[in-house]
Amino acid sequence: MKLASLCVAAVIAFSTGALAQTSTEPAATPAPNPAAPTAPATPPAQTVPADEKLEPGANSFTEAQARSWLEEAGYTNVSGLAQSEDGIWRGHALRNGTTVNVAVDYKGTISVD
């Protein structure tokens, strides 16, 4: 009988510690840092006709990501992509059989010239 009581007491003692560590609140998600913009998760839906609408800024995505967004927006044979000093990816691509100059800013906006 003493052994059974001792076992029950041990189970209660160890299970209360586990219950005390269980949290019902969701983990806090840190707010995004506006000084370090991130690439959009999907290709940009907006294509503007000239560089005037592009916003210079710190660009955190790669050449491969910029190429992928251009291709998913309907551009082919994307070439010569290079990031300029203002953070905008610039290069060339085909659109409807015509070679165009393309640019992608840090927000993912595509510009065609």
PDB file of N, CA and C in Angstrom:
ATOM      1  N   MET A   1       0.828  -1.184   0.000  1.00  0.00           N
ATOM      2  CA  MET A   1       0.000   0.000   0.000  1.00  0.00           C
ATOM      3  C   MET A   1       0.875   1.250   0.000  1.00  0.00           C
ATOM      4  N   LYS A   2       1.984   1.209   0.788  1.00  0.00           N
ATOM      5  CA  LYS A   2       2.882   2.352   0.819  1.00  0.00           C
ATOM      6  C   LYS A   2       3.514   2.574  -0.552  1.00  0.00           C
ATOM      7  N   LEU A   3       3.838   1.482  -1.232  1.00  0.00           N
ATOM      8  CA  LEU A   3       4.460   1.575  -2.548  1.00  0.00           C
ATOM      9  C   LEU A   3       3.499   2.208  -3.552  1.00  0.00           C
ATOM     10  N   ALA A   4       2.237   1.833  -3.507  1.00  0.00           N
ATOM     11  CA  ALA A   4       1.242   2.387  -4.417  1.00  0.00           C
ATOM     12  C   ALA A   4       1.068   3.878  -4.160  1.00  0.00           C
ATOM     13  N   SER A   5       1.017   4.274  -2.897  1.00  0.00           N
ATOM     14  CA  SER A   5       0.881   5.688  -2.548  1.00  0.00           C
ATOM     15  C   SER A   5       2.099   6.482  -3.002  1.00  0.00           C
ATOM     16  N   LEU A   6       3.268   5.899  -2.851  1.00  0.00           N
ATOM     17  CA  LEU A   6       4.501   6.544  -3.263  1.00  0.00           C
ATOM     18  C   LEU A   6       4.534   6.720  -4.785  1.00  0.00           C
ATOM     19  N   CYS A   7       4.092   5.718  -5.511  1.00  0.00           N
ATOM     20  CA  CYS A   7       4.043   5.806  -6.975  1.00  0.00           C
ATOM     21  C   CYS A   7       3.069   6.880  -7.429  1.00  0.00           C
ATOM     22  N   VAL A   8       1.890   6.932  -6.818  1.00  0.00           N
ATOM     23  CA  VAL A   8       0.888   7.948  -7.169  1.00  0.00           C
ATOM     24  C   VAL A   8       1.439   9.336  -6.873  1.00  0.00           C
ATOM     25  N   ALA A   9       2.096   9.518  -5.755  1.00  0.00           N
ATOM     26  CA  ALA A   9       2.677  10.817  -5.398  1.00  0.00           C
ATOM     27  C   ALA A   9       3.758  11.214  -6.398  1.00  0.00           C
ATOM     28  N   ALA A  10       4.566  10.264  -6.836  1.00  0.00           N
ATOM     29  CA  ALA A  10       5.623  10.555  -7.807  1.00  0.00           C
ATOM     30  C   ALA A  10       5.027  10.960  -9.155  1.00  0.00           C
ATOM     31  N   VAL A  11       3.991  10.263  -9.595  1.00  0.00           N
ATOM     32  CA  VAL A  11       3.339  10.591 -10.864  1.00  0.00           C
ATOM     33  C   VAL A  11       2.735  11.988 -10.805  1.00  0.00           C
ATOM     34  N   ILE A  12       2.082  12.312  -9.707  1.00  0.00           N
ATOM     35  CA  ILE A  12       1.478  13.642  -9.553  1.00  0.00           C
ATOM     36  C   ILE A  12       2.551  14.716  -9.542  1.00  0.00           C
ATOM     37  N   ALA A  13       3.637  14.475  -8.835  1.00  0.00           N
ATOM     38  CA  ALA A  13       4.716  15.465  -8.743  1.00  0.00           C
ATOM     39  C   ALA A  13       5.338  15.729 -10.107  1.00  0.00           C
ATOM     40  N   PHE A  14       5.590  14.679 -10.876  1.00  0.00           N
ATOM     41  CA  PHE A  14       6.216  14.869 -12.187  1.00  0.00           C
ATOM     42  C   PHE A  14       5.248  15.415 -13.228  1.00  0.00           C
ATOM     43  N   SER A  15       3.997  15.087 -13.165  1.00  0.00           N
ATOM     44  CA  SER A  15       3.040  15.561 -14.167  1.00  0.00           C
ATOM     45  C   SER A  15       2.684  17.025 -13.943  1.00  0.00           C
ATOM     46  N   THR A  16       2.715  17.532 -12.727  1.00  0.00           N
ATOM     47  CA  THR A  16       2.425  18.951 -12.493  1.00  0.00           C
ATOM     48  C   THR A  16       3.497  19.825 -13.106  1.00  0.00           C
ATOM     49  N   GLY A  17       4.728  19.392 -13.075  1.00  0.00           N
ATOM     50  CA  GLY A  17       5.801  20.177 -13.692  1.00  0.00           C
ATOM     51  C   GLY A  17       5.597  20.284 -15.190  1.00  0.00           C
ATOM     52  N   ALA A  18       5.153  19.209 -15.825  1.00  0.00           N
ATOM     53  CA  ALA A  18       4.914  19.232 -17.264  1.00  0.00           C
ATOM     54  C   ALA A  18       3.732  20.123 -17.600  1.00  0.00           C
ATOM     55  N   LEU A  19       2.693  20.097 -16.767  1.00  0.00           N
ATOM     56  CA  LEU A  19       1.541  20.957 -17.002  1.00  0.00           C
ATOM     57  C   LEU A  19       1.894  22.421 -16.832  1.00  0.00           C
ATOM     58  N   ALA A  20       2.763  22.726 -15.917  1.00  0.00           N
ATOM     59  CA  ALA A  20       3.136  24.122 -15.681  1.00  0.00           C
ATOM     60  C   ALA A  20       3.912  24.690 -16.870  1.00  0.00           C
ATOM     61  N   GLN A  21       4.552  23.832 -17.646  1.00  0.00           N
ATOM     62  CA  GLN A  21       5.329  24.309 -18.775  1.00  0.00           C
ATOM     63  C   GLN A  21       4.493  24.445 -20.048  1.00  0.00           C
ATOM     64  N   THR A  22       3.304  23.915 -20.058  1.00  0.00           N
ATOM     65  CA  THR A  22       2.450  23.987 -21.231  1.00  0.00           C
ATOM     66  C   THR A  22       1.851  25.386 -21.332  1.00  0.00           C
ATOM     67  N   SER A  23       1.993  26.004 -22.472  1.00  0.00           N
ATOM     68  CA  SER A  23       1.461  27.343 -22.681  1.00  0.00           C
ATOM     69  C   SER A  23       0.322  27.282 -23.683  1.00  0.00           C
ATOM     70  N   THR A  24      -0.760  27.983 -23.386  1.00  0.00           N
ATOM     71  CA  THR A  24      -1.881  28.031 -24.313  1.00  0.00           C
ATOM     72  C   THR A  24      -1.799  29.250 -25.215  1.00  0.00           C
ATOM     73  N   GLU A  25      -0.875  30.172 -24.948  1.00  0.00           N
ATOM     74  CA  GLU A  25      -0.730  31.362 -25.772  1.00  0.00           C
ATOM     75  C   GLU A  25       0.162  31.059 -26.970  1.00  0.00           C
ATOM     76  N   PRO A  26      -0.195  31.606 -28.148  1.00  0.00           N
ATOM     77  CA  PRO A  26       0.672  31.382 -29.311  1.00  0.00           C
ATOM     78  C   PRO A  26       1.988  32.134 -29.145  1.00  0.00           C
ATOM     79  N   ALA A  27       3.026  31.602 -29.747  1.00  0.00           N
ATOM     80  CA  ALA A  27       4.330  32.252 -29.678  1.00  0.00           C
ATOM     81  C   ALA A  27       4.265  33.593 -30.404  1.00  0.00           C
ATOM     82  N   ALA A  28       4.923  34.574 -29.850  1.00  0.00           N
ATOM     83  CA  ALA A  28       4.930  35.901 -30.452  1.00  0.00           C
ATOM     84  C   ALA A  28       5.733  35.874 -31.744  1.00  0.00           C
ATOM     85  N   THR A  29       5.169  36.459 -32.790  1.00  0.00           N
ATOM     86  CA  THR A  29       5.861  36.559 -34.066  1.00  0.00           C
ATOM     87  C   THR A  29       6.495  37.931 -34.146  1.00  0.00           C
ATOM     88  N   PRO A  30       7.809  37.991 -34.380  1.00  0.00           N
ATOM     89  CA  PRO A  30       8.435  39.302 -34.439  1.00  0.00           C
ATOM     90  C   PRO A  30       7.923  40.104 -35.626  1.00  0.00           C
ATOM     91  N   ALA A  31       7.791  41.400 -35.428  1.00  0.00           N
ATOM     92  CA  ALA A  31       7.337  42.285 -36.492  1.00  0.00           C
ATOM     93  C   ALA A  31       8.433  42.406 -37.546  1.00  0.00           C
ATOM     94  N   PRO A  32       8.044  42.505 -38.825  1.00  0.00           N
ATOM     95  CA  PRO A  32       9.057  42.649 -39.864  1.00  0.00           C
ATOM     96  C   PRO A  32       9.806  43.977 -39.725  1.00  0.00           C
ATOM     97  N   ASN A  33      11.067  43.940 -40.062  1.00  0.00           N
ATOM     98  CA  ASN A  33      11.899  45.129 -39.996  1.00  0.00           C
ATOM     99  C   ASN A  33      11.766  45.892 -41.305  1.00  0.00           C
ATOM    100  N   PRO A  34      11.160  47.095 -41.308  1.00  0.00           N
ATOM    101  CA  PRO A  34      10.973  47.824 -42.564  1.00  0.00           C
ATOM    102  C   PRO A  34      12.296  48.256 -43.195  1.00  0.00           C
ATOM    103  N   ALA A  35      13.365  48.299 -42.425  1.00  0.00           N
ATOM    104  CA  ALA A  35      14.662  48.690 -42.975  1.00  0.00           C
ATOM    105  C   ALA A  35      15.273  47.565 -43.797  1.00  0.00           C
ATOM    106  N   ALA A  36      14.792  46.351 -43.628  1.00  0.00           N
ATOM    107  CA  ALA A  36      15.314  45.211 -44.374  1.00  0.00           C
ATOM    108  C   ALA A  36      14.173  44.550 -45.127  1.00  0.00           C
ATOM    109  N   PRO A  37      13.762  45.123 -46.266  1.00  0.00           N
ATOM    110  CA  PRO A  37      12.633  44.554 -46.999  1.00  0.00           C
ATOM    111  C   PRO A  37      12.955  43.169 -47.524  1.00  0.00           C
ATOM    112  N   THR A  38      11.919  42.378 -47.642  1.00  0.00           N
ATOM    113  CA  THR A  38      12.092  41.026 -48.150  1.00  0.00           C
ATOM    114  C   THR A  38      11.393  40.905 -49.493  1.00  0.00           C
ATOM    115  N   ALA A  39      11.746  39.890 -50.206  1.00  0.00           N
ATOM    116  CA  ALA A  39      11.152  39.666 -51.515  1.00  0.00           C
ATOM    117  C   ALA A  39       9.710  39.210 -51.355  1.00  0.00           C
ATOM    118  N   PRO A  40       8.843  39.618 -52.258  1.00  0.00           N
ATOM    119  CA  PRO A  40       7.471  39.135 -52.201  1.00  0.00           C
ATOM    120  C   PRO A  40       7.421  37.626 -52.403  1.00  0.00           C
ATOM    121  N   ALA A  41       6.432  36.992 -51.830  1.00  0.00           N
ATOM    122  CA  ALA A  41       6.307  35.549 -51.914  1.00  0.00           C
ATOM    123  C   ALA A  41       5.799  35.103 -53.279  1.00  0.00           C
ATOM    124  N   THR A  42       5.099  35.970 -53.979  1.00  0.00           N
ATOM    125  CA  THR A  42       4.567  35.617 -55.288  1.00  0.00           C
ATOM    126  C   THR A  42       5.076  36.612 -56.322  1.00  0.00           C
ATOM    127  N   PRO A  43       5.015  36.244 -57.586  1.00  0.00           N
ATOM    128  CA  PRO A  43       5.458  37.174 -58.615  1.00  0.00           C
ATOM    129  C   PRO A  43       4.640  38.454 -58.577  1.00  0.00           C
ATOM    130  N   PRO A  44       5.230  39.562 -58.925  1.00  0.00           N
ATOM    131  CA  PRO A  44       4.499  40.818 -58.883  1.00  0.00           C
ATOM    132  C   PRO A  44       3.359  40.837 -59.888  1.00  0.00           C
ATOM    133  N   ALA A  45       2.265  41.409 -59.491  1.00  0.00           N
ATOM    134  CA  ALA A  45       1.118  41.503 -60.370  1.00  0.00           C
ATOM    135  C   ALA A  45       1.168  42.804 -61.163  1.00  0.00           C
ATOM    136  N   GLN A  46       2.042  43.696 -60.798  1.00  0.00           N
ATOM    137  CA  GLN A  46       2.079  45.020 -61.387  1.00  0.00           C
ATOM    138  C   GLN A  46       3.298  45.177 -62.295  1.00  0.00           C
ATOM    139  N   THR A  47       3.056  45.564 -63.535  1.00  0.00           N
ATOM    140  CA  THR A  47       4.125  45.911 -64.461  1.00  0.00           C
ATOM    141  C   THR A  47       3.882  47.344 -64.878  1.00  0.00           C
ATOM    142  N   VAL A  48       4.869  48.184 -64.706  1.00  0.00           N
ATOM    143  CA  VAL A  48       4.734  49.592 -65.060  1.00  0.00           C
ATOM    144  C   VAL A  48       5.542  49.877 -66.319  1.00  0.00           C
ATOM    145  N   PRO A  49       5.162  50.887 -67.093  1.00  0.00           N
ATOM    146  CA  PRO A  49       5.798  51.115 -68.381  1.00  0.00           C
ATOM    147  C   PRO A  49       7.187  51.734 -68.351  1.00  0.00           C
ATOM    148  N   ALA A  50       7.597  52.362 -67.283  1.00  0.00           N
ATOM    149  CA  ALA A  50       8.917  53.001 -67.262  1.00  0.00           C
ATOM    150  C   ALA A  50       9.483  53.001 -65.856  1.00  0.00           C
ATOM    151  N   ASP A  51      10.793  53.248 -65.736  1.00  0.00           N
ATOM    152  CA  ASP A  51      11.471  53.223 -64.450  1.00  0.00           C
ATOM    153  C   ASP A  51      10.941  54.253 -63.447  1.00  0.00           C
ATOM    154  N   GLU A  52      10.163  55.219 -63.892  1.00  0.00           N
ATOM    155  CA  GLU A  52       9.703  56.264 -62.985  1.00  0.00           C
ATOM    156  C   GLU A  52       8.901  55.742 -61.799  1.00  0.00           C
ATOM    157  N   LYS A  53       8.268  54.574 -61.929  1.00  0.00           N
ATOM    158  CA  LYS A  53       7.452  54.019 -60.844  1.00  0.00           C
ATOM    159  C   LYS A  53       8.233  53.096 -59.914  1.00  0.00           C
ATOM    160  N   LEU A  54       9.443  52.741 -60.284  1.00  0.00           N
ATOM    161  CA  LEU A  54      10.238  51.858 -59.429  1.00  0.00           C
ATOM    162  C   LEU A  54      10.778  52.639 -58.245  1.00  0.00           C
ATOM    163  N   GLU A  55      10.843  51.959 -57.103  1.00  0.00           N
ATOM    164  CA  GLU A  55      11.344  52.603 -55.895  1.00  0.00           C
ATOM    165  C   GLU A  55      12.719  52.066 -55.541  1.00  0.00           C
ATOM    166  N   PRO A  56      13.719  52.943 -55.492  1.00  0.00           N
ATOM    167  CA  PRO A  56      15.039  52.499 -55.052  1.00  0.00           C
ATOM    168  C   PRO A  56      14.979  52.056 -53.600  1.00  0.00           C
ATOM    169  N   GLY A  57      15.806  51.117 -53.232  1.00  0.00           N
ATOM    170  CA  GLY A  57      15.852  50.659 -51.853  1.00  0.00           C
ATOM    171  C   GLY A  57      16.695  49.420 -51.720  1.00  0.00           C
ATOM    172  N   ALA A  58      16.993  49.059 -50.493  1.00  0.00           N
ATOM    173  CA  ALA A  58      17.800  47.873 -50.212  1.00  0.00           C
ATOM    174  C   ALA A  58      17.039  46.642 -50.687  1.00  0.00           C
ATOM    175  N   ASN A  59      17.618  45.918 -51.613  1.00  0.00           N
ATOM    176  CA  ASN A  59      16.975  44.766 -52.219  1.00  0.00           C
ATOM    177  C   ASN A  59      17.530  43.501 -51.592  1.00  0.00           C
ATOM    178  N   SER A  60      16.668  42.679 -51.019  1.00  0.00           N
ATOM    179  CA  SER A  60      17.145  41.500 -50.296  1.00  0.00           C
ATOM    180  C   SER A  60      16.939  40.201 -51.052  1.00  0.00           C
ATOM    181  N   PHE A  61      16.485  40.263 -52.309  1.00  0.00           N
ATOM    182  CA  PHE A  61      16.342  38.995 -53.013  1.00  0.00           C
ATOM    183  C   PHE A  61      17.433  38.812 -54.053  1.00  0.00           C
ATOM    184  N   THR A  62      17.554  37.590 -54.529  1.00  0.00           N
ATOM    185  CA  THR A  62      18.667  37.199 -55.376  1.00  0.00           C
ATOM    186  C   THR A  62      18.343  37.387 -56.859  1.00  0.00           C
ATOM    187  N   GLU A  63      19.378  37.252 -57.662  1.00  0.00           N
ATOM    188  CA  GLU A  63      19.195  37.317 -59.119  1.00  0.00           C
ATOM    189  C   GLU A  63      18.235  36.221 -59.586  1.00  0.00           C
ATOM    190  N   ALA A  64      18.362  35.040 -59.010  1.00  0.00           N
ATOM    191  CA  ALA A  64      17.483  33.924 -59.387  1.00  0.00           C
ATOM    192  C   ALA A  64      16.021  34.235 -59.073  1.00  0.00           C
ATOM    193  N   GLN A  65      15.767  34.897 -57.954  1.00  0.00           N
ATOM    194  CA  GLN A  65      14.389  35.262 -57.609  1.00  0.00           C
ATOM    195  C   GLN A  65      13.854  36.313 -58.578  1.00  0.00           C
ATOM    196  N   ALA A  66      14.667  37.327 -58.896  1.00  0.00           N
ATOM    197  CA  ALA A  66      14.240  38.360 -59.848  1.00  0.00           C
ATOM    198  C   ALA A  66      13.942  37.720 -61.202  1.00  0.00           C
ATOM    199  N   ARG A  67      14.806  36.809 -61.654  1.00  0.00           N
ATOM    200  CA  ARG A  67      14.606  36.105 -62.928  1.00  0.00           C
ATOM    201  C   ARG A  67      13.307  35.300 -62.890  1.00  0.00           C
ATOM    202  N   SER A  68      13.064  34.617 -61.787  1.00  0.00           N
ATOM    203  CA  SER A  68      11.867  33.798 -61.643  1.00  0.00           C
ATOM    204  C   SER A  68      10.599  34.645 -61.731  1.00  0.00           C
ATOM    205  N   TRP A  69      10.579  35.802 -61.090  1.00  0.00           N
ATOM    206  CA  TRP A  69       9.393  36.670 -61.138  1.00  0.00           C
ATOM    207  C   TRP A  69       9.160  37.199 -62.538  1.00  0.00           C
ATOM    208  N   LEU A  70      10.238  37.538 -63.230  1.00  0.00           N
ATOM    209  CA  LEU A  70      10.096  38.007 -64.610  1.00  0.00           C
ATOM    210  C   LEU A  70       9.525  36.894 -65.486  1.00  0.00           C
ATOM    211  N   GLU A  71      10.042  35.684 -65.329  1.00  0.00           N
ATOM    212  CA  GLU A  71       9.563  34.566 -66.133  1.00  0.00           C
ATOM    213  C   GLU A  71       8.113  34.226 -65.811  1.00  0.00           C
ATOM    214  N   GLU A  72       7.745  34.278 -64.545  1.00  0.00           N
ATOM    215  CA  GLU A  72       6.358  33.986 -64.164  1.00  0.00           C
ATOM    216  C   GLU A  72       5.412  35.092 -64.617  1.00  0.00           C
ATOM    217  N   ALA A  73       5.941  36.291 -64.882  1.00  0.00           N
ATOM    218  CA  ALA A  73       5.124  37.393 -65.384  1.00  0.00           C
ATOM    219  C   ALA A  73       5.034  37.347 -66.911  1.00  0.00           C
ATOM    220  N   GLY A  74       5.648  36.335 -67.553  1.00  0.00           N
ATOM    221  CA  GLY A  74       5.512  36.163 -68.983  1.00  0.00           C
ATOM    222  C   GLY A  74       6.721  36.546 -69.809  1.00  0.00           C
ATOM    223  N   TYR A  75       7.822  36.905 -69.186  1.00  0.00           N
ATOM    224  CA  TYR A  75       9.038  37.265 -69.912  1.00  0.00           C
ATOM    225  C   TYR A  75       9.873  36.005 -70.127  1.00  0.00           C
ATOM    226  N   THR A  76      10.553  35.927 -71.284  1.00  0.00           N
ATOM    227  CA  THR A  76      11.403  34.783 -71.583  1.00  0.00           C
ATOM    228  C   THR A  76      12.803  35.269 -71.908  1.00  0.00           C
ATOM    229  N   ASN A  77      13.729  34.335 -71.975  1.00  0.00           N
ATOM    230  CA  ASN A  77      15.131  34.647 -72.295  1.00  0.00           C
ATOM    231  C   ASN A  77      15.663  35.813 -71.468  1.00  0.00           C
ATOM    232  N   VAL A  78      15.390  35.795 -70.186  1.00  0.00           N
ATOM    233  CA  VAL A  78      15.868  36.848 -69.286  1.00  0.00           C
ATOM    234  C   VAL A  78      17.395  36.760 -69.223  1.00  0.00           C
ATOM    235  N   SER A  79      18.064  37.881 -69.471  1.00  0.00           N
ATOM    236  CA  SER A  79      19.529  37.875 -69.477  1.00  0.00           C
ATOM    237  C   SER A  79      20.068  39.191 -68.946  1.00  0.00           C
ATOM    238  N   GLY A  80      21.344  39.165 -68.606  1.00  0.00           N
ATOM    239  CA  GLY A  80      22.045  40.380 -68.186  1.00  0.00           C
ATOM    240  C   GLY A  80      21.545  41.008 -66.903  1.00  0.00           C
ATOM    241  N   LEU A  81      20.902  40.235 -66.038  1.00  0.00           N
ATOM    242  CA  LEU A  81      20.399  40.823 -64.790  1.00  0.00           C
ATOM    243  C   LEU A  81      21.558  41.232 -63.900  1.00  0.00           C
ATOM    244  N   ALA A  82      21.528  42.461 -63.464  1.00  0.00           N
ATOM    245  CA  ALA A  82      22.542  42.977 -62.538  1.00  0.00           C
ATOM    246  C   ALA A  82      21.849  43.966 -61.610  1.00  0.00           C
ATOM    247  N   GLN A  83      22.275  43.970 -60.379  1.00  0.00           N
ATOM    248  CA  GLN A  83      21.674  44.880 -59.406  1.00  0.00           C
ATOM    249  C   GLN A  83      22.425  46.204 -59.448  1.00  0.00           C
ATOM    250  N   SER A  84      21.695  47.291 -59.668  1.00  0.00           N
ATOM    251  CA  SER A  84      22.316  48.611 -59.735  1.00  0.00           C
ATOM    252  C   SER A  84      22.527  49.168 -58.329  1.00  0.00           C
ATOM    253  N   GLU A  85      23.209  50.300 -58.253  1.00  0.00           N
ATOM    254  CA  GLU A  85      23.514  50.912 -56.949  1.00  0.00           C
ATOM    255  C   GLU A  85      22.263  51.289 -56.173  1.00  0.00           C
ATOM    256  N   ASP A  86      21.155  51.542 -56.881  1.00  0.00           N
ATOM    257  CA  ASP A  86      19.917  51.913 -56.189  1.00  0.00           C
ATOM    258  C   ASP A  86      19.087  50.697 -55.774  1.00  0.00           C
ATOM    259  N   GLY A  87      19.651  49.489 -55.929  1.00  0.00           N
ATOM    260  CA  GLY A  87      18.987  48.269 -55.467  1.00  0.00           C
ATOM    261  C   GLY A  87      18.024  47.670 -56.462  1.00  0.00           C
ATOM    262  N   ILE A  88      17.952  48.194 -57.679  1.00  0.00           N
ATOM    263  CA  ILE A  88      17.021  47.696 -58.687  1.00  0.00           C
ATOM    264  C   ILE A  88      17.734  46.703 -59.602  1.00  0.00           C
ATOM    265  N   TRP A  89      17.107  45.545 -59.813  1.00  0.00           N
ATOM    266  CA  TRP A  89      17.641  44.541 -60.739  1.00  0.00           C
ATOM    267  C   TRP A  89      17.275  44.967 -62.149  1.00  0.00           C
ATOM    268  N   ARG A  90      18.262  45.048 -63.050  1.00  0.00           N
ATOM    269  CA  ARG A  90      18.032  45.470 -64.436  1.00  0.00           C
ATOM    270  C   ARG A  90      18.609  44.433 -65.389  1.00  0.00           C
ATOM    271  N   GLY A  91      17.917  44.243 -66.513  1.00  0.00           N
ATOM    272  CA  GLY A  91      18.391  43.295 -67.508  1.00  0.00           C
ATOM    273  C   GLY A  91      17.560  43.385 -68.774  1.00  0.00           C
ATOM    274  N   HIS A  92      17.573  42.298 -69.563  1.00  0.00           N
ATOM    275  CA  HIS A  92      16.859  42.239 -70.834  1.00  0.00           C
ATOM    276  C   HIS A  92      16.020  40.967 -70.852  1.00  0.00           C
ATOM    277  N   ALA A  93      14.932  41.007 -71.626  1.00  0.00           N
ATOM    278  CA  ALA A  93      14.084  39.827 -71.761  1.00  0.00           C
ATOM    279  C   ALA A  93      13.254  39.952 -73.025  1.00  0.00           C
ATOM    280  N   LEU A  94      12.652  38.840 -73.424  1.00  0.00           N
ATOM    281  CA  LEU A  94      11.723  38.835 -74.556  1.00  0.00           C
ATOM    282  C   LEU A  94      10.299  38.854 -74.024  1.00  0.00           C
ATOM    283  N   ARG A  95       9.467  39.658 -74.661  1.00  0.00           N
ATOM    284  CA  ARG A  95       8.034  39.693 -74.332  1.00  0.00           C
ATOM    285  C   ARG A  95       7.282  39.803 -75.644  1.00  0.00           C
ATOM    286  N   ASN A  96       6.491  38.806 -75.964  1.00  0.00           N
ATOM    287  CA  ASN A  96       5.752  38.760 -77.223  1.00  0.00           C
ATOM    288  C   ASN A  96       6.682  38.889 -78.426  1.00  0.00           C
ATOM    289  N   GLY A  97       7.842  38.260 -78.353  1.00  0.00           N
ATOM    290  CA  GLY A  97       8.782  38.254 -79.462  1.00  0.00           C
ATOM    291  C   GLY A  97       9.640  39.502 -79.593  1.00  0.00           C
ATOM    292  N   THR A  98       9.498  40.451 -78.680  1.00  0.00           N
ATOM    293  CA  THR A  98      10.259  41.699 -78.734  1.00  0.00           C
ATOM    294  C   THR A  98      11.209  41.766 -77.547  1.00  0.00           C
ATOM    295  N   THR A  99      12.466  42.171 -77.802  1.00  0.00           N
ATOM    296  CA  THR A  99      13.426  42.346 -76.711  1.00  0.00           C
ATOM    297  C   THR A  99      13.136  43.663 -76.006  1.00  0.00           C
ATOM    298  N   VAL A 100      13.019  43.597 -74.686  1.00  0.00           N
ATOM    299  CA  VAL A 100      12.742  44.787 -73.883  1.00  0.00           C
ATOM    300  C   VAL A 100      13.724  44.871 -72.724  1.00  0.00           C
ATOM    301  N   ASN A 101      13.950  46.080 -72.239  1.00  0.00           N
ATOM    302  CA  ASN A 101      14.712  46.278 -71.011  1.00  0.00           C
ATOM    303  C   ASN A 101      13.746  46.093 -69.857  1.00  0.00           C
ATOM    304  N   VAL A 102      14.153  45.329 -68.858  1.00  0.00           N
ATOM    305  CA  VAL A 102      13.303  45.084 -67.699  1.00  0.00           C
ATOM    306  C   VAL A 102      14.027  45.508 -66.429  1.00  0.00           C
ATOM    307  N   ALA A 103      13.264  45.816 -65.414  1.00  0.00           N
ATOM    308  CA  ALA A 103      13.816  46.174 -64.115  1.00  0.00           C
ATOM    309  C   ALA A 103      12.847  45.713 -63.043  1.00  0.00           C
ATOM    310  N   VAL A 104      13.379  45.322 -61.894  1.00  0.00           N
ATOM    311  CA  VAL A 104      12.560  44.865 -60.765  1.00  0.00           C
ATOM    312  C   VAL A 104      13.060  45.570 -59.514  1.00  0.00           C
ATOM    313  N   ASP A 105      12.164  46.291 -58.814  1.00  0.00           N
ATOM    314  CA  ASP A 105      12.581  46.979 -57.587  1.00  0.00           C
ATOM    315  C   ASP A 105      12.429  46.072 -56.378  1.00  0.00           C
ATOM    316  N   TYR A 106      12.744  46.604 -55.202  1.00  0.00           N
ATOM    317  CA  TYR A 106      12.736  45.783 -53.987  1.00  0.00           C
ATOM    318  C   TYR A 106      11.338  45.332 -53.579  1.00  0.00           C
ATOM    319  N   LYS A 107      10.300  45.954 -54.131  1.00  0.00           N
ATOM    320  CA  LYS A 107       8.930  45.533 -53.840  1.00  0.00           C
ATOM    321  C   LYS A 107       8.458  44.459 -54.810  1.00  0.00           C
ATOM    322  N   GLY A 108       9.234  44.215 -55.866  1.00  0.00           N
ATOM    323  CA  GLY A 108       8.853  43.232 -56.864  1.00  0.00           C
ATOM    324  C   GLY A 108       8.131  43.832 -58.054  1.00  0.00           C
ATOM    325  N   THR A 109       8.043  45.159 -58.139  1.00  0.00           N
ATOM    326  CA  THR A 109       7.407  45.815 -59.265  1.00  0.00           C
ATOM    327  C   THR A 109       8.299  45.688 -60.492  1.00  0.00           C
ATOM    328  N   ILE A 110       7.734  45.289 -61.597  1.00  0.00           N
ATOM    329  CA  ILE A 110       8.483  45.132 -62.844  1.00  0.00           C
ATOM    330  C   ILE A 110       8.260  46.364 -63.713  1.00  0.00           C
ATOM    331  N   SER A 111       9.346  46.858 -64.294  1.00  0.00           N
ATOM    332  CA  SER A 111       9.274  47.980 -65.209  1.00  0.00           C
ATOM    333  C   SER A 111       9.794  47.530 -66.559  1.00  0.00           C
ATOM    334  N   VAL A 112       9.126  47.964 -67.626  1.00  0.00           N
ATOM    335  CA  VAL A 112       9.529  47.638 -68.994  1.00  0.00           C
ATOM    336  C   VAL A 112       9.819  48.925 -69.727  1.00  0.00           C
ATOM    337  N   ASP A 113      10.964  48.935 -70.399  1.00  0.00           N
ATOM    338  CA  ASP A 113      11.345  50.139 -71.160  1.00  0.00           C
ATOM    339  C   ASP A 113      11.594  49.747 -72.586  1.00  0.00           C
TER     340      ASP A 113
END
